[in-house]
Amino acid sequence: MDLIMGKFADAEIGEMSETDLDTFEQLGEMPDPDLYNWIANNADVPPQYDTALLKRLRAFHHGKGV
């Protein structure tokens, strides 16, 4: 997950608000398999993690930011 999260952070850190940074940190604490499945759209995201930042992260890794 470091590679996935790191690429996103490198590209987006300058645009992140304090809330985004907090959310990013919370996502980084999730178990890797859960987070990967959420990003890959392989699993439903629990409502408390279905944030705008996760949507940006997902879009980034699905070719809209790479």
Protein backbone atom coordinates (compact mmCIF):
# COMPACT_ATOMS: atom_id res chain seq x y z
CA MET A 1 0.00 0.00 0.00
CA ASP A 2 2.96 2.32 0.48
CA LEU A 3 3.42 2.53 -3.28
CA ILE A 4 -0.25 3.25 -3.94
CA MET A 5 -0.62 5.76 -1.15
CA GLY A 6 2.80 7.29 -1.80
CA LYS A 7 2.17 8.05 -5.47
CA PHE A 8 -1.11 9.69 -4.57
CA ALA A 9 0.47 11.70 -1.77
CA ASP A 10 3.33 12.84 -4.02
CA ALA A 11 0.85 14.10 -6.61
CA GLU A 12 -1.83 15.51 -4.31
CA ILE A 13 -0.25 16.60 -1.01
CA GLY A 14 -0.15 20.25 -2.04
CA GLU A 15 -3.90 20.24 -2.68
CA MET A 16 -4.91 18.49 0.55
CA SER A 17 -6.73 20.35 3.29
CA GLU A 18 -6.18 19.60 6.96
CA THR A 19 -9.28 17.40 6.84
CA ASP A 20 -7.87 15.56 3.82
CA LEU A 21 -4.58 15.01 5.62
CA ASP A 22 -6.39 13.61 8.66
CA THR A 23 -8.45 11.33 6.43
CA PHE A 24 -5.33 10.22 4.55
CA GLU A 25 -3.68 9.33 7.85
CA GLN A 26 -6.76 7.37 8.97
CA LEU A 27 -6.82 5.46 5.68
CA GLY A 28 -3.13 4.67 6.11
CA GLU A 29 -3.93 2.97 9.41
CA MET A 30 -6.41 0.59 7.79
CA PRO A 31 -5.37 -3.01 7.10
CA ASP A 32 -3.76 -3.17 3.66
CA PRO A 33 -6.17 -5.76 2.23
CA ASP A 34 -9.21 -3.66 3.19
CA LEU A 35 -7.78 -0.44 1.80
CA TYR A 36 -6.61 -2.10 -1.40
CA ASN A 37 -10.04 -3.62 -1.99
CA TRP A 38 -11.72 -0.26 -1.45
CA ILE A 39 -9.37 1.47 -3.90
CA ALA A 40 -9.74 -1.33 -6.45
CA ASN A 41 -13.54 -1.28 -6.11
CA ASN A 42 -13.46 -4.91 -5.02
CA ALA A 43 -15.35 -4.32 -1.78
CA ASP A 44 -17.94 -1.96 -0.36
CA VAL A 45 -16.49 0.89 1.63
CA PRO A 46 -17.88 1.37 5.13
CA PRO A 47 -19.73 4.70 5.29
CA GLN A 48 -17.26 6.30 7.71
CA TYR A 49 -14.43 5.74 5.19
CA ASP A 50 -16.37 6.59 2.03
CA THR A 51 -14.96 10.10 1.87
CA ALA A 52 -14.18 12.56 -0.88
CA LEU A 53 -10.49 11.82 -0.35
CA LEU A 54 -10.98 8.09 -0.86
CA LYS A 55 -12.88 8.87 -4.04
CA ARG A 56 -9.95 11.02 -5.22
CA LEU A 57 -7.52 8.25 -4.32
CA ARG A 58 -9.62 5.72 -6.20
CA ALA A 59 -9.90 7.99 -9.29
CA PHE A 60 -6.16 8.63 -9.21
CA HIS A 61 -5.39 4.94 -9.35
CA HIS A 62 -7.96 4.21 -12.00
CA GLY A 63 -6.19 6.35 -14.55
CA LYS A 64 -7.55 9.79 -13.83
CA GLY A 65 -4.42 10.98 -12.10
CA VAL A 66 -1.62 8.70 -13.14
